[in-house]
Amino acid sequence: MAEISKSKLNPVIRKIATLRDDRGWNNNRLAVESGLAPATVLNWFARNVVPKINALENLCKAFGVSMQTFFEEDEDVTVLTDIQKRALKEFDRLTQAEKERFIAFVQELNKSRRDY
């Protein structure tokens, strides 16, 4: 099955294609990064169908964006580097109090760097 031209894709599939292309990935790499079957990813593009919510969650994790960011109208999506993804993953494991202390630490670190 051939992939539909990007301009004719529904908005969700078009957003997935944009995020995929921004990273230089093909559909197989997208499947690997998101833990989905390659045939599933290929079918979305060939049939122009919206993935189920659990698949969208996997895609968002792979892209390093929240579901909210994914569905925002603004196409200006921040692409996270691998180290940023790792940092956020560790940050998410912290308690709320630890997150607040971490943010204060980073702010102080950045403040002290500006003082030089």
Protein backbone atom coordinates (compact mmCIF):
# COMPACT_ATOMS: atom_id res chain seq x y z
CA MET A 1 0.00 0.00 0.00
CA ALA A 2 1.36 3.41 -0.96
CA GLU A 3 1.51 6.26 1.52
CA ILE A 4 -0.93 9.12 0.94
CA SER A 5 0.63 12.50 0.11
CA LYS A 6 1.33 14.53 3.25
CA SER A 7 -0.99 17.37 2.21
CA LYS A 8 -3.94 14.96 2.05
CA LEU A 9 -3.33 13.32 5.42
CA ASN A 10 -5.71 13.94 8.29
CA PRO A 11 -4.26 16.42 10.85
CA VAL A 12 -3.20 13.76 13.38
CA ILE A 13 -1.34 11.65 10.82
CA ARG A 14 0.17 14.82 9.32
CA LYS A 15 1.48 15.83 12.78
CA ILE A 16 2.99 12.36 13.27
CA ALA A 17 4.61 12.61 9.84
CA THR A 18 6.03 16.05 10.66
CA LEU A 19 7.49 14.92 13.98
CA ARG A 20 8.85 11.76 12.34
CA ASP A 21 10.43 13.73 9.49
CA ASP A 22 11.88 16.35 11.87
CA ARG A 23 13.90 13.56 13.45
CA GLY A 24 14.97 12.04 10.16
CA TRP A 25 13.12 8.83 10.96
CA ASN A 26 11.34 6.52 8.56
CA ASN A 27 8.22 4.55 9.50
CA ASN A 28 10.24 1.54 10.65
CA ARG A 29 12.34 3.69 12.99
CA LEU A 30 9.17 5.33 14.27
CA ALA A 31 7.75 1.88 15.05
CA VAL A 32 10.92 0.83 16.89
CA GLU A 33 11.16 4.08 18.89
CA SER A 34 7.50 3.89 19.91
CA GLY A 35 7.39 0.14 20.56
CA LEU A 36 4.74 -0.46 17.93
CA ALA A 37 4.52 -2.98 15.12
CA PRO A 38 5.87 -1.61 11.81
CA ALA A 39 2.74 -2.85 10.01
CA THR A 40 0.59 -0.76 12.37
CA VAL A 41 2.51 2.42 11.59
CA LEU A 42 2.46 1.71 7.85
CA ASN A 43 -1.31 1.17 7.95
CA TRP A 44 -1.93 4.58 9.56
CA PHE A 45 -0.22 6.31 6.70
CA ALA A 46 -1.56 4.07 3.93
CA ARG A 47 -5.16 4.24 5.15
CA ASN A 48 -5.02 7.73 6.69
CA VAL A 49 -6.49 6.52 9.99
CA VAL A 50 -5.93 7.99 13.44
CA PRO A 51 -4.04 5.76 15.88
CA LYS A 52 -5.73 4.59 19.07
CA ILE A 53 -5.00 6.58 22.23
CA ASN A 54 -2.49 4.07 23.65
CA ALA A 55 -0.52 4.18 20.39
CA LEU A 56 -0.60 8.00 20.47
CA GLU A 57 0.78 7.89 24.01
CA ASN A 58 3.64 5.67 22.82
CA LEU A 59 4.31 8.01 19.90
CA CYS A 60 4.37 11.06 22.16
CA LYS A 61 6.87 9.35 24.47
CA ALA A 62 9.06 8.49 21.49
CA PHE A 63 8.86 12.07 20.22
CA GLY A 64 9.48 13.52 23.68
CA VAL A 65 6.29 15.60 23.66
CA SER A 66 3.21 15.54 25.86
CA MET A 67 -0.20 14.67 24.48
CA GLN A 68 -1.19 18.28 25.11
CA THR A 69 1.73 19.55 23.05
CA PHE A 70 0.96 17.05 20.32
CA PHE A 71 -2.59 18.36 19.95
CA GLU A 72 -1.81 22.05 20.25
CA GLU A 73 -2.64 24.03 17.15
CA ASP A 74 0.78 25.70 17.10
CA GLU A 75 3.10 23.67 14.88
CA ASP A 76 6.17 24.96 16.75
CA VAL A 77 7.00 21.80 18.71
CA THR A 78 10.17 21.60 20.76
CA VAL A 79 12.19 18.53 19.88
CA LEU A 80 13.99 17.06 22.87
CA THR A 81 17.50 15.69 22.62
CA ASP A 82 18.28 12.27 24.07
CA ILE A 83 19.89 13.82 27.16
CA GLN A 84 16.84 16.05 27.70
CA LYS A 85 14.60 12.99 27.47
CA ARG A 86 16.77 11.19 30.03
CA ALA A 87 16.71 14.20 32.35
CA LEU A 88 12.92 14.49 32.14
CA LYS A 89 12.49 10.78 32.74
CA GLU A 90 14.54 11.04 35.94
CA PHE A 91 12.78 14.27 36.94
CA ASP A 92 9.39 12.56 36.61
CA ARG A 93 10.47 9.98 39.20
CA LEU A 94 11.05 12.64 41.87
CA THR A 95 8.54 13.59 44.54
CA GLN A 96 7.00 17.06 44.28
CA ALA A 97 9.29 18.33 47.05
CA GLU A 98 12.34 16.89 45.30
CA LYS A 99 11.26 18.53 42.04
CA GLU A 100 11.03 21.91 43.77
CA ARG A 101 14.50 21.47 45.32
CA PHE A 102 15.89 20.40 41.95
CA ILE A 103 14.47 23.47 40.21
CA ALA A 104 15.85 25.73 42.95
CA PHE A 105 19.25 24.05 42.56
CA VAL A 106 19.31 24.54 38.78
CA GLN A 107 18.19 28.15 39.11
CA GLU A 108 20.98 28.80 41.61
CA LEU A 109 23.47 27.03 39.36
CA ASN A 110 22.47 29.19 36.41
CA LYS A 111 22.54 32.33 38.56
CA SER A 112 26.09 31.55 39.76
CA ARG A 113 27.21 30.97 36.15
CA ARG A 114 25.91 34.41 35.15
CA ASP A 115 27.92 35.99 37.96
CA TYR A 116 31.23 35.05 36.34
